[in-house]
């Protein structure tokens, strides 16, 4: 889970994501702008 606190209220960027990545494969994380995909990558990294 990832929640950002803002003046306008909490933003729930990730809501219980569970994913596994196997060695040697190419994964694409896709989604609309604001869906949480870049947040997920930054947390994974």
ModelCIF file with pLDDT and N, C-alpha, C, O atoms, coordinates in Angstrom:
data_MODEL
#
_entry.id   MODEL 
#
_entity.id                         1 
_entity.type                       polymer 
_entity.pdbx_number_of_molecules   1 
#
_entity_poly.entity_id                      1 
_entity_poly.type                           'polypeptide(L)' 
_entity_poly.nstd_linkage                   no 
_entity_poly.nstd_monomer                   no 
_entity_poly.pdbx_seq_one_letter_code       
;(UNK)(UNK)(UNK)(UNK)(UNK)(UNK)(UNK)(UNK)(UNK)(UNK)(UNK)(UNK)(UNK)(UNK)(UNK)(UNK)
(UNK)(UNK)(UNK)(UNK)(UNK)(UNK)(UNK)(UNK)(UNK)(UNK)(UNK)(UNK)(UNK)(UNK)(UNK)(UNK)
(UNK)(UNK)(UNK)(UNK)(UNK)(UNK)(UNK)(UNK)(UNK)(UNK)(UNK)(UNK)(UNK)
;
_entity_poly.pdbx_seq_one_letter_code_can   XXXXXXXXXXXXXXXXXXXXXXXXXXXXXXXXXXXXXXXXXXXXX 
_entity_poly.pdbx_strand_id                 A 
#
loop_
_entity_poly_seq.entity_id 
_entity_poly_seq.num 
_entity_poly_seq.mon_id 
_entity_poly_seq.hetero 
1 1  UNK n 
1 2  UNK n 
1 3  UNK n 
1 4  UNK n 
1 5  UNK n 
1 6  UNK n 
1 7  UNK n 
1 8  UNK n 
1 9  UNK n 
1 10 UNK n 
1 11 UNK n 
1 12 UNK n 
1 13 UNK n 
1 14 UNK n 
1 15 UNK n 
1 16 UNK n 
1 17 UNK n 
1 18 UNK n 
1 19 UNK n 
1 20 UNK n 
1 21 UNK n 
1 22 UNK n 
1 23 UNK n 
1 24 UNK n 
1 25 UNK n 
1 26 UNK n 
1 27 UNK n 
1 28 UNK n 
1 29 UNK n 
1 30 UNK n 
1 31 UNK n 
1 32 UNK n 
1 33 UNK n 
1 34 UNK n 
1 35 UNK n 
1 36 UNK n 
1 37 UNK n 
1 38 UNK n 
1 39 UNK n 
1 40 UNK n 
1 41 UNK n 
1 42 UNK n 
1 43 UNK n 
1 44 UNK n 
1 45 UNK n 
#
_struct_asym.id          A 
_struct_asym.entity_id   1 
#
loop_
_ma_qa_metric.id 
_ma_qa_metric.mode 
_ma_qa_metric.name 
_ma_qa_metric.software_group_id 
_ma_qa_metric.type 
1 global pLDDT . pLDDT 
2 local  pLDDT . pLDDT 
#
_ma_qa_metric_global.metric_id      1 
_ma_qa_metric_global.metric_value   91.00 
_ma_qa_metric_global.model_id       1 
_ma_qa_metric_global.ordinal_id     1 
#
loop_
_ma_qa_metric_local.label_asym_id 
_ma_qa_metric_local.label_comp_id 
_ma_qa_metric_local.label_seq_id 
_ma_qa_metric_local.metric_id 
_ma_qa_metric_local.metric_value 
_ma_qa_metric_local.model_id 
_ma_qa_metric_local.ordinal_id 
A UNK 1  2 96.00 1 1  
A UNK 2  2 96.00 1 2  
A UNK 3  2 95.00 1 3  
A UNK 4  2 91.00 1 4  
A UNK 5  2 88.00 1 5  
A UNK 6  2 83.00 1 6  
A UNK 7  2 86.00 1 7  
A UNK 8  2 85.00 1 8  
A UNK 9  2 84.00 1 9  
A UNK 10 2 88.00 1 10 
A UNK 11 2 87.00 1 11 
A UNK 12 2 90.00 1 12 
A UNK 13 2 92.00 1 13 
A UNK 14 2 94.00 1 14 
A UNK 15 2 94.00 1 15 
A UNK 16 2 94.00 1 16 
A UNK 17 2 94.00 1 17 
A UNK 18 2 94.00 1 18 
A UNK 19 2 93.00 1 19 
A UNK 20 2 94.00 1 20 
A UNK 21 2 94.00 1 21 
A UNK 22 2 93.00 1 22 
A UNK 23 2 91.00 1 23 
A UNK 24 2 91.00 1 24 
A UNK 25 2 93.00 1 25 
A UNK 26 2 93.00 1 26 
A UNK 27 2 94.00 1 27 
A UNK 28 2 93.00 1 28 
A UNK 29 2 94.00 1 29 
A UNK 30 2 91.00 1 30 
A UNK 31 2 86.00 1 31 
A UNK 32 2 84.00 1 32 
A UNK 33 2 82.00 1 33 
A UNK 34 2 81.00 1 34 
A UNK 35 2 84.00 1 35 
A UNK 36 2 89.00 1 36 
A UNK 37 2 91.00 1 37 
A UNK 38 2 90.00 1 38 
A UNK 39 2 93.00 1 39 
A UNK 40 2 94.00 1 40 
A UNK 41 2 94.00 1 41 
A UNK 42 2 95.00 1 42 
A UNK 43 2 96.00 1 43 
A UNK 44 2 96.00 1 44 
A UNK 45 2 95.00 1 45 
#
loop_
_atom_site.group_PDB 
_atom_site.id 
_atom_site.type_symbol 
_atom_site.label_atom_id 
_atom_site.label_alt_id 
_atom_site.label_comp_id 
_atom_site.label_asym_id 
_atom_site.label_entity_id 
_atom_site.label_seq_id 
_atom_site.pdbx_PDB_ins_code 
_atom_site.Cartn_x 
_atom_site.Cartn_y 
_atom_site.Cartn_z 
_atom_site.occupancy 
_atom_site.B_iso_or_equiv 
_atom_site.pdbx_formal_charge 
_atom_site.auth_seq_id 
_atom_site.auth_comp_id 
_atom_site.auth_asym_id 
_atom_site.auth_atom_id 
_atom_site.pdbx_PDB_model_num 
ATOM 1   N N  . UNK A 1 1  ? 0.851  -1.186  0.000   1.00 96.00 ? 1  UNK A N  1 
ATOM 2   C CA . UNK A 1 1  ? 0.000  0.000   0.000   1.00 96.00 ? 1  UNK A CA 1 
ATOM 3   C C  . UNK A 1 1  ? 0.892  1.243   0.000   1.00 96.00 ? 1  UNK A C  1 
ATOM 4   O O  . UNK A 1 1  ? 1.975  1.247   0.586   1.00 96.00 ? 1  UNK A O  1 
ATOM 5   N N  . UNK A 1 2  ? 0.412  2.304   -0.674  1.00 96.00 ? 2  UNK A N  1 
ATOM 6   C CA . UNK A 1 2  ? 1.102  3.584   -0.618  1.00 96.00 ? 2  UNK A CA 1 
ATOM 7   C C  . UNK A 1 2  ? 0.072  4.684   -0.566  1.00 96.00 ? 2  UNK A C  1 
ATOM 8   O O  . UNK A 1 2  ? -0.764 4.814   -1.461  1.00 96.00 ? 2  UNK A O  1 
ATOM 9   N N  . UNK A 1 3  ? 0.136  5.495   0.511   1.00 95.00 ? 3  UNK A N  1 
ATOM 10  C CA . UNK A 1 3  ? -0.779 6.614   0.693   1.00 95.00 ? 3  UNK A CA 1 
ATOM 11  C C  . UNK A 1 3  ? 0.023  7.901   0.815   1.00 95.00 ? 3  UNK A C  1 
ATOM 12  O O  . UNK A 1 3  ? 0.960  7.995   1.608   1.00 95.00 ? 3  UNK A O  1 
ATOM 13  N N  . UNK A 1 4  ? -0.361 8.889   0.015   1.00 91.00 ? 4  UNK A N  1 
ATOM 14  C CA . UNK A 1 4  ? 0.247  10.218  0.103   1.00 91.00 ? 4  UNK A CA 1 
ATOM 15  C C  . UNK A 1 4  ? -0.730 11.149  0.825   1.00 91.00 ? 4  UNK A C  1 
ATOM 16  O O  . UNK A 1 4  ? -1.930 11.141  0.552   1.00 91.00 ? 4  UNK A O  1 
ATOM 17  N N  . UNK A 1 5  ? -0.204 11.935  1.734   1.00 88.00 ? 5  UNK A N  1 
ATOM 18  C CA . UNK A 1 5  ? -1.035 12.861  2.493   1.00 88.00 ? 5  UNK A CA 1 
ATOM 19  C C  . UNK A 1 5  ? -0.967 14.247  1.855   1.00 88.00 ? 5  UNK A C  1 
ATOM 20  O O  . UNK A 1 5  ? 0.115  14.811  1.692   1.00 88.00 ? 5  UNK A O  1 
ATOM 21  N N  . UNK A 1 6  ? -2.112 14.781  1.501   1.00 83.00 ? 6  UNK A N  1 
ATOM 22  C CA . UNK A 1 6  ? -2.188 16.103  0.875   1.00 83.00 ? 6  UNK A CA 1 
ATOM 23  C C  . UNK A 1 6  ? -3.200 16.960  1.606   1.00 83.00 ? 6  UNK A C  1 
ATOM 24  O O  . UNK A 1 6  ? -4.034 16.453  2.356   1.00 83.00 ? 6  UNK A O  1 
ATOM 25  N N  . UNK A 1 7  ? -3.123 18.253  1.384   1.00 86.00 ? 7  UNK A N  1 
ATOM 26  C CA . UNK A 1 7  ? -4.052 19.185  2.026   1.00 86.00 ? 7  UNK A CA 1 
ATOM 27  C C  . UNK A 1 7  ? -5.488 18.852  1.649   1.00 86.00 ? 7  UNK A C  1 
ATOM 28  O O  . UNK A 1 7  ? -6.404 18.982  2.462   1.00 86.00 ? 7  UNK A O  1 
ATOM 29  N N  . UNK A 1 8  ? -5.670 18.423  0.408   1.00 85.00 ? 8  UNK A N  1 
ATOM 30  C CA . UNK A 1 8  ? -7.021 18.114  -0.076  1.00 85.00 ? 8  UNK A CA 1 
ATOM 31  C C  . UNK A 1 8  ? -7.525 16.750  0.386   1.00 85.00 ? 8  UNK A C  1 
ATOM 32  O O  . UNK A 1 8  ? -8.681 16.394  0.158   1.00 85.00 ? 8  UNK A O  1 
ATOM 33  N N  . UNK A 1 9  ? -6.633 15.986  1.043   1.00 84.00 ? 9  UNK A N  1 
ATOM 34  C CA . UNK A 1 9  ? -7.029 14.663  1.513   1.00 84.00 ? 9  UNK A CA 1 
ATOM 35  C C  . UNK A 1 9  ? -6.012 13.603  1.114   1.00 84.00 ? 9  UNK A C  1 
ATOM 36  O O  . UNK A 1 9  ? -5.120 13.864  0.307   1.00 84.00 ? 9  UNK A O  1 
ATOM 37  N N  . UNK A 1 10 ? -6.145 12.425  1.670   1.00 88.00 ? 10 UNK A N  1 
ATOM 38  C CA . UNK A 1 10 ? -5.217 11.343  1.374   1.00 88.00 ? 10 UNK A CA 1 
ATOM 39  C C  . UNK A 1 10 ? -5.420 10.820  -0.045  1.00 88.00 ? 10 UNK A C  1 
ATOM 40  O O  . UNK A 1 10 ? -6.542 10.717  -0.540  1.00 88.00 ? 10 UNK A O  1 
ATOM 41  N N  . UNK A 1 11 ? -4.284 10.489  -0.687  1.00 87.00 ? 11 UNK A N  1 
ATOM 42  C CA . UNK A 1 11 ? -4.310 9.874   -2.022  1.00 87.00 ? 11 UNK A CA 1 
ATOM 43  C C  . UNK A 1 11 ? -3.778 8.456   -1.877  1.00 87.00 ? 11 UNK A C  1 
ATOM 44  O O  . UNK A 1 11 ? -2.632 8.250   -1.477  1.00 87.00 ? 11 UNK A O  1 
ATOM 45  N N  . UNK A 1 12 ? -4.612 7.488   -2.202  1.00 90.00 ? 12 UNK A N  1 
ATOM 46  C CA . UNK A 1 12 ? -4.238 6.082   -2.088  1.00 90.00 ? 12 UNK A CA 1 
ATOM 47  C C  . UNK A 1 12 ? -3.685 5.610   -3.437  1.00 90.00 ? 12 UNK A C  1 
ATOM 48  O O  . UNK A 1 12 ? -4.436 5.169   -4.306  1.00 90.00 ? 12 UNK A O  1 
ATOM 49  N N  . UNK A 1 13 ? -2.366 5.709   -3.595  1.00 92.00 ? 13 UNK A N  1 
ATOM 50  C CA . UNK A 1 13 ? -1.740 5.405   -4.884  1.00 92.00 ? 13 UNK A CA 1 
ATOM 51  C C  . UNK A 1 13 ? -1.694 3.906   -5.161  1.00 92.00 ? 13 UNK A C  1 
ATOM 52  O O  . UNK A 1 13 ? -1.887 3.480   -6.300  1.00 92.00 ? 13 UNK A O  1 
ATOM 53  N N  . UNK A 1 14 ? -1.442 3.107   -4.132  1.00 94.00 ? 14 UNK A N  1 
ATOM 54  C CA . UNK A 1 14 ? -1.424 1.647   -4.271  1.00 94.00 ? 14 UNK A CA 1 
ATOM 55  C C  . UNK A 1 14 ? -2.286 1.040   -3.177  1.00 94.00 ? 14 UNK A C  1 
ATOM 56  O O  . UNK A 1 14 ? -2.247 1.472   -2.025  1.00 94.00 ? 14 UNK A O  1 
ATOM 57  N N  . UNK A 1 15 ? -3.064 0.033   -3.552  1.00 94.00 ? 15 UNK A N  1 
ATOM 58  C CA . UNK A 1 15 ? -4.049 -0.534  -2.637  1.00 94.00 ? 15 UNK A CA 1 
ATOM 59  C C  . UNK A 1 15 ? -3.928 -2.053  -2.559  1.00 94.00 ? 15 UNK A C  1 
ATOM 60  O O  . UNK A 1 15 ? -4.793 -2.783  -3.044  1.00 94.00 ? 15 UNK A O  1 
ATOM 61  N N  . UNK A 1 16 ? -2.839 -2.519  -1.937  1.00 94.00 ? 16 UNK A N  1 
ATOM 62  C CA . UNK A 1 16 ? -2.685 -3.963  -1.727  1.00 94.00 ? 16 UNK A CA 1 
ATOM 63  C C  . UNK A 1 16 ? -2.170 -4.702  -2.941  1.00 94.00 ? 16 UNK A C  1 
ATOM 64  O O  . UNK A 1 16 ? -2.748 -5.714  -3.338  1.00 94.00 ? 16 UNK A O  1 
ATOM 65  N N  . UNK A 1 17 ? -1.091 -4.219  -3.541  1.00 94.00 ? 17 UNK A N  1 
ATOM 66  C CA . UNK A 1 17 ? -0.521 -4.855  -4.737  1.00 94.00 ? 17 UNK A CA 1 
ATOM 67  C C  . UNK A 1 17 ? 0.377  -6.020  -4.329  1.00 94.00 ? 17 UNK A C  1 
ATOM 68  O O  . UNK A 1 17 ? 1.260  -5.870  -3.484  1.00 94.00 ? 17 UNK A O  1 
ATOM 69  N N  . UNK A 1 18 ? 0.141  -7.178  -4.936  1.00 94.00 ? 18 UNK A N  1 
ATOM 70  C CA . UNK A 1 18 ? 0.993  -8.356  -4.755  1.00 94.00 ? 18 UNK A CA 1 
ATOM 71  C C  . UNK A 1 18 ? 1.359  -8.900  -6.136  1.00 94.00 ? 18 UNK A C  1 
ATOM 72  O O  . UNK A 1 18 ? 0.489  -9.346  -6.883  1.00 94.00 ? 18 UNK A O  1 
ATOM 73  N N  . UNK A 1 19 ? 2.648  -8.860  -6.469  1.00 93.00 ? 19 UNK A N  1 
ATOM 74  C CA . UNK A 1 19 ? 3.140  -9.295  -7.781  1.00 93.00 ? 19 UNK A CA 1 
ATOM 75  C C  . UNK A 1 19 ? 4.489  -9.961  -7.598  1.00 93.00 ? 19 UNK A C  1 
ATOM 76  O O  . UNK A 1 19 ? 5.281  -9.560  -6.745  1.00 93.00 ? 19 UNK A O  1 
ATOM 77  N N  . UNK A 1 20 ? 4.747  -10.985 -8.406  1.00 94.00 ? 20 UNK A N  1 
ATOM 78  C CA . UNK A 1 20 ? 6.062  -11.628 -8.427  1.00 94.00 ? 20 UNK A CA 1 
ATOM 79  C C  . UNK A 1 20 ? 6.688  -11.477 -9.804  1.00 94.00 ? 20 UNK A C  1 
ATOM 80  O O  . UNK A 1 20 ? 5.990  -11.491 -10.817 1.00 94.00 ? 20 UNK A O  1 
ATOM 81  N N  . UNK A 1 21 ? 8.017  -11.333 -9.834  1.00 94.00 ? 21 UNK A N  1 
ATOM 82  C CA . UNK A 1 21 ? 8.759  -11.166 -11.082 1.00 94.00 ? 21 UNK A CA 1 
ATOM 83  C C  . UNK A 1 21 ? 9.806  -12.267 -11.189 1.00 94.00 ? 21 UNK A C  1 
ATOM 84  O O  . UNK A 1 21 ? 10.617 -12.460 -10.282 1.00 94.00 ? 21 UNK A O  1 
ATOM 85  N N  . UNK A 1 22 ? 9.779  -12.979 -12.296 1.00 93.00 ? 22 UNK A N  1 
ATOM 86  C CA . UNK A 1 22 ? 10.720 -14.076 -12.514 1.00 93.00 ? 22 UNK A CA 1 
ATOM 87  C C  . UNK A 1 22 ? 11.978 -13.577 -13.205 1.00 93.00 ? 22 UNK A C  1 
ATOM 88  O O  . UNK A 1 22 ? 11.941 -12.637 -13.999 1.00 93.00 ? 22 UNK A O  1 
ATOM 89  N N  . UNK A 1 23 ? 13.083 -14.220 -12.889 1.00 91.00 ? 23 UNK A N  1 
ATOM 90  C CA . UNK A 1 23 ? 14.378 -13.818 -13.433 1.00 91.00 ? 23 UNK A CA 1 
ATOM 91  C C  . UNK A 1 23 ? 14.390 -13.967 -14.956 1.00 91.00 ? 23 UNK A C  1 
ATOM 92  O O  . UNK A 1 23 ? 13.906 -14.958 -15.503 1.00 91.00 ? 23 UNK A O  1 
ATOM 93  N N  . UNK A 1 24 ? 14.956 -12.954 -15.628 1.00 91.00 ? 24 UNK A N  1 
ATOM 94  C CA . UNK A 1 24 ? 15.199 -13.035 -17.052 1.00 91.00 ? 24 UNK A CA 1 
ATOM 95  C C  . UNK A 1 24 ? 14.049 -12.666 -17.958 1.00 91.00 ? 24 UNK A C  1 
ATOM 96  O O  . UNK A 1 24 ? 14.181 -12.776 -19.177 1.00 91.00 ? 24 UNK A O  1 
ATOM 97  N N  . UNK A 1 25 ? 12.908 -12.225 -17.406 1.00 93.00 ? 25 UNK A N  1 
ATOM 98  C CA . UNK A 1 25 ? 11.755 -11.884 -18.240 1.00 93.00 ? 25 UNK A CA 1 
ATOM 99  C C  . UNK A 1 25 ? 11.612 -10.371 -18.388 1.00 93.00 ? 25 UNK A C  1 
ATOM 100 O O  . UNK A 1 25 ? 12.148 -9.600  -17.592 1.00 93.00 ? 25 UNK A O  1 
ATOM 101 N N  . UNK A 1 26 ? 10.880 -9.967  -19.417 1.00 93.00 ? 26 UNK A N  1 
ATOM 102 C CA . UNK A 1 26 ? 10.572 -8.560  -19.701 1.00 93.00 ? 26 UNK A CA 1 
ATOM 103 C C  . UNK A 1 26 ? 9.121  -8.317  -19.288 1.00 93.00 ? 26 UNK A C  1 
ATOM 104 O O  . UNK A 1 26 ? 8.202  -8.917  -19.846 1.00 93.00 ? 26 UNK A O  1 
ATOM 105 N N  . UNK A 1 27 ? 8.922  -7.437  -18.309 1.00 94.00 ? 27 UNK A N  1 
ATOM 106 C CA . UNK A 1 27 ? 7.597  -7.092  -17.806 1.00 94.00 ? 27 UNK A CA 1 
ATOM 107 C C  . UNK A 1 27 ? 7.248  -5.660  -18.196 1.00 94.00 ? 27 UNK A C  1 
ATOM 108 O O  . UNK A 1 27 ? 8.085  -4.761  -18.118 1.00 94.00 ? 27 UNK A O  1 
ATOM 109 N N  . UNK A 1 28 ? 6.014  -5.462  -18.613 1.00 93.00 ? 28 UNK A N  1 
ATOM 110 C CA . UNK A 1 28 ? 5.489  -4.118  -18.844 1.00 93.00 ? 28 UNK A CA 1 
ATOM 111 C C  . UNK A 1 28 ? 4.411  -3.843  -17.806 1.00 93.00 ? 28 UNK A C  1 
ATOM 112 O O  . UNK A 1 28 ? 3.479  -4.632  -17.647 1.00 93.00 ? 28 UNK A O  1 
ATOM 113 N N  . UNK A 1 29 ? 4.538  -2.727  -17.103 1.00 94.00 ? 29 UNK A N  1 
ATOM 114 C CA . UNK A 1 29 ? 3.507  -2.283  -16.168 1.00 94.00 ? 29 UNK A CA 1 
ATOM 115 C C  . UNK A 1 29 ? 2.744  -1.158  -16.851 1.00 94.00 ? 29 UNK A C  1 
ATOM 116 O O  . UNK A 1 29 ? 3.304  -0.098  -17.129 1.00 94.00 ? 29 UNK A O  1 
ATOM 117 N N  . UNK A 1 30 ? 1.475  -1.388  -17.117 1.00 91.00 ? 30 UNK A N  1 
ATOM 118 C CA . UNK A 1 30 ? 0.685  -0.452  -17.913 1.00 91.00 ? 30 UNK A CA 1 
ATOM 119 C C  . UNK A 1 30 ? -0.488 0.075   -17.097 1.00 91.00 ? 30 UNK A C  1 
ATOM 120 O O  . UNK A 1 30 ? -0.908 -0.533  -16.113 1.00 91.00 ? 30 UNK A O  1 
ATOM 121 N N  . UNK A 1 31 ? -1.001 1.210   -17.528 1.00 86.00 ? 31 UNK A N  1 
ATOM 122 C CA . UNK A 1 31 ? -2.145 1.811   -16.848 1.00 86.00 ? 31 UNK A CA 1 
ATOM 123 C C  . UNK A 1 31 ? -2.262 3.266   -17.217 1.00 86.00 ? 31 UNK A C  1 
ATOM 124 O O  . UNK A 1 31 ? -1.321 3.859   -17.747 1.00 86.00 ? 31 UNK A O  1 
ATOM 125 N N  . UNK A 1 32 ? -3.411 3.844   -16.941 1.00 84.00 ? 32 UNK A N  1 
ATOM 126 C CA . UNK A 1 32 ? -3.638 5.251   -17.244 1.00 84.00 ? 32 UNK A CA 1 
ATOM 127 C C  . UNK A 1 32 ? -2.804 6.144   -16.339 1.00 84.00 ? 32 UNK A C  1 
ATOM 128 O O  . UNK A 1 32 ? -2.293 5.697   -15.312 1.00 84.00 ? 32 UNK A O  1 
ATOM 129 N N  . UNK A 1 33 ? -2.672 7.398   -16.722 1.00 82.00 ? 33 UNK A N  1 
ATOM 130 C CA . UNK A 1 33 ? -1.969 8.375   -15.898 1.00 82.00 ? 33 UNK A CA 1 
ATOM 131 C C  . UNK A 1 33 ? -2.634 8.457   -14.525 1.00 82.00 ? 33 UNK A C  1 
ATOM 132 O O  . UNK A 1 33 ? -3.854 8.590   -14.429 1.00 82.00 ? 33 UNK A O  1 
ATOM 133 N N  . UNK A 1 34 ? -1.836 8.378   -13.472 1.00 81.00 ? 34 UNK A N  1 
ATOM 134 C CA . UNK A 1 34 ? -2.377 8.430   -12.120 1.00 81.00 ? 34 UNK A CA 1 
ATOM 135 C C  . UNK A 1 34 ? -2.850 7.106   -11.570 1.00 81.00 ? 34 UNK A C  1 
ATOM 136 O O  . UNK A 1 34 ? -3.416 7.058   -10.478 1.00 81.00 ? 34 UNK A O  1 
ATOM 137 N N  . UNK A 1 35 ? -2.627 6.022   -12.309 1.00 84.00 ? 35 UNK A N  1 
ATOM 138 C CA . UNK A 1 35 ? -3.101 4.710   -11.860 1.00 84.00 ? 35 UNK A CA 1 
ATOM 139 C C  . UNK A 1 35 ? -2.222 4.114   -10.771 1.00 84.00 ? 35 UNK A C  1 
ATOM 140 O O  . UNK A 1 35 ? -2.645 3.193   -10.072 1.00 84.00 ? 35 UNK A O  1 
ATOM 141 N N  . UNK A 1 36 ? -1.001 4.627   -10.616 1.00 89.00 ? 36 UNK A N  1 
ATOM 142 C CA . UNK A 1 36 ? -0.099 4.106   -9.591  1.00 89.00 ? 36 UNK A CA 1 
ATOM 143 C C  . UNK A 1 36 ? 1.067  3.310   -10.137 1.00 89.00 ? 36 UNK A C  1 
ATOM 144 O O  . UNK A 1 36 ? 1.844  2.746   -9.367  1.00 89.00 ? 36 UNK A O  1 
ATOM 145 N N  . UNK A 1 37 ? 1.204  3.253   -11.468 1.00 91.00 ? 37 UNK A N  1 
ATOM 146 C CA . UNK A 1 37 ? 2.246  2.385   -12.046 1.00 91.00 ? 37 UNK A CA 1 
ATOM 147 C C  . UNK A 1 37 ? 3.665  2.897   -11.759 1.00 91.00 ? 37 UNK A C  1 
ATOM 148 O O  . UNK A 1 37 ? 4.553  2.099   -11.457 1.00 91.00 ? 37 UNK A O  1 
ATOM 149 N N  . UNK A 1 38 ? 3.889  4.204   -11.848 1.00 90.00 ? 38 UNK A N  1 
ATOM 150 C CA . UNK A 1 38 ? 5.226  4.729   -11.540 1.00 90.00 ? 38 UNK A CA 1 
ATOM 151 C C  . UNK A 1 38 ? 5.527  4.628   -10.047 1.00 90.00 ? 38 UNK A C  1 
ATOM 152 O O  . UNK A 1 38 ? 6.665  4.362   -9.661  1.00 90.00 ? 38 UNK A O  1 
ATOM 153 N N  . UNK A 1 39 ? 4.519  4.837   -9.213  1.00 93.00 ? 39 UNK A N  1 
ATOM 154 C CA . UNK A 1 39 ? 4.697  4.663   -7.773  1.00 93.00 ? 39 UNK A CA 1 
ATOM 155 C C  . UNK A 1 39 ? 5.129  3.240   -7.465  1.00 93.00 ? 39 UNK A C  1 
ATOM 156 O O  . UNK A 1 39 ? 6.019  3.016   -6.643  1.00 93.00 ? 39 UNK A O  1 
ATOM 157 N N  . UNK A 1 40 ? 4.497  2.279   -8.127  1.00 94.00 ? 40 UNK A N  1 
ATOM 158 C CA . UNK A 1 40 ? 4.854  0.875   -7.925  1.00 94.00 ? 40 UNK A CA 1 
ATOM 159 C C  . UNK A 1 40 ? 6.305  0.630   -8.326  1.00 94.00 ? 40 UNK A C  1 
ATOM 160 O O  . UNK A 1 40 ? 7.048  -0.028  -7.597  1.00 94.00 ? 40 UNK A O  1 
ATOM 161 N N  . UNK A 1 41 ? 6.710  1.155   -9.480  1.00 94.00 ? 41 UNK A N  1 
ATOM 162 C CA . UNK A 1 41 ? 8.089  0.954   -9.928  1.00 94.00 ? 41 UNK A CA 1 
ATOM 163 C C  . UNK A 1 41 ? 9.081  1.543   -8.936  1.00 94.00 ? 41 UNK A C  1 
ATOM 164 O O  . UNK A 1 41 ? 10.097 0.918   -8.633  1.00 94.00 ? 41 UNK A O  1 
ATOM 165 N N  . UNK A 1 42 ? 8.799  2.738   -8.429  1.00 95.00 ? 42 UNK A N  1 
ATOM 166 C CA . UNK A 1 42 ? 9.713  3.374   -7.482  1.00 95.00 ? 42 UNK A CA 1 
ATOM 167 C C  . UNK A 1 42 ? 9.812  2.584   -6.181  1.00 95.00 ? 42 UNK A C  1 
ATOM 168 O O  . UNK A 1 42 ? 10.882 2.523   -5.576  1.00 95.00 ? 42 UNK A O  1 
ATOM 169 N N  . UNK A 1 43 ? 8.725  1.988   -5.752  1.00 96.00 ? 43 UNK A N  1 
ATOM 170 C CA . UNK A 1 43 ? 8.750  1.166   -4.544  1.00 96.00 ? 43 UNK A CA 1 
ATOM 171 C C  . UNK A 1 43 ? 9.495  -0.133  -4.801  1.00 96.00 ? 43 UNK A C  1 
ATOM 172 O O  . UNK A 1 43 ? 10.280 -0.567  -3.957  1.00 96.00 ? 43 UNK A O  1 
ATOM 173 N N  . UNK A 1 44 ? 9.266  -0.760  -5.943  1.00 96.00 ? 44 UNK A N  1 
ATOM 174 C CA . UNK A 1 44 ? 9.986  -1.988  -6.293  1.00 96.00 ? 44 UNK A CA 1 
ATOM 175 C C  . UNK A 1 44 ? 11.488 -1.737  -6.374  1.00 96.00 ? 44 UNK A C  1 
ATOM 176 O O  . UNK A 1 44 ? 12.295 -2.601  -6.029  1.00 96.00 ? 44 UNK A O  1 
ATOM 177 N N  . UNK A 1 45 ? 11.850 -0.539  -6.837  1.00 95.00 ? 45 UNK A N  1 
ATOM 178 C CA . UNK A 1 45 ? 13.255 -0.206  -6.999  1.00 95.00 ? 45 UNK A CA 1 
ATOM 179 C C  . UNK A 1 45 ? 13.914 0.388   -5.766  1.00 95.00 ? 45 UNK A C  1 
ATOM 180 O O  . UNK A 1 45 ? 15.102 0.706   -5.794  1.00 95.00 ? 45 UNK A O  1 
#
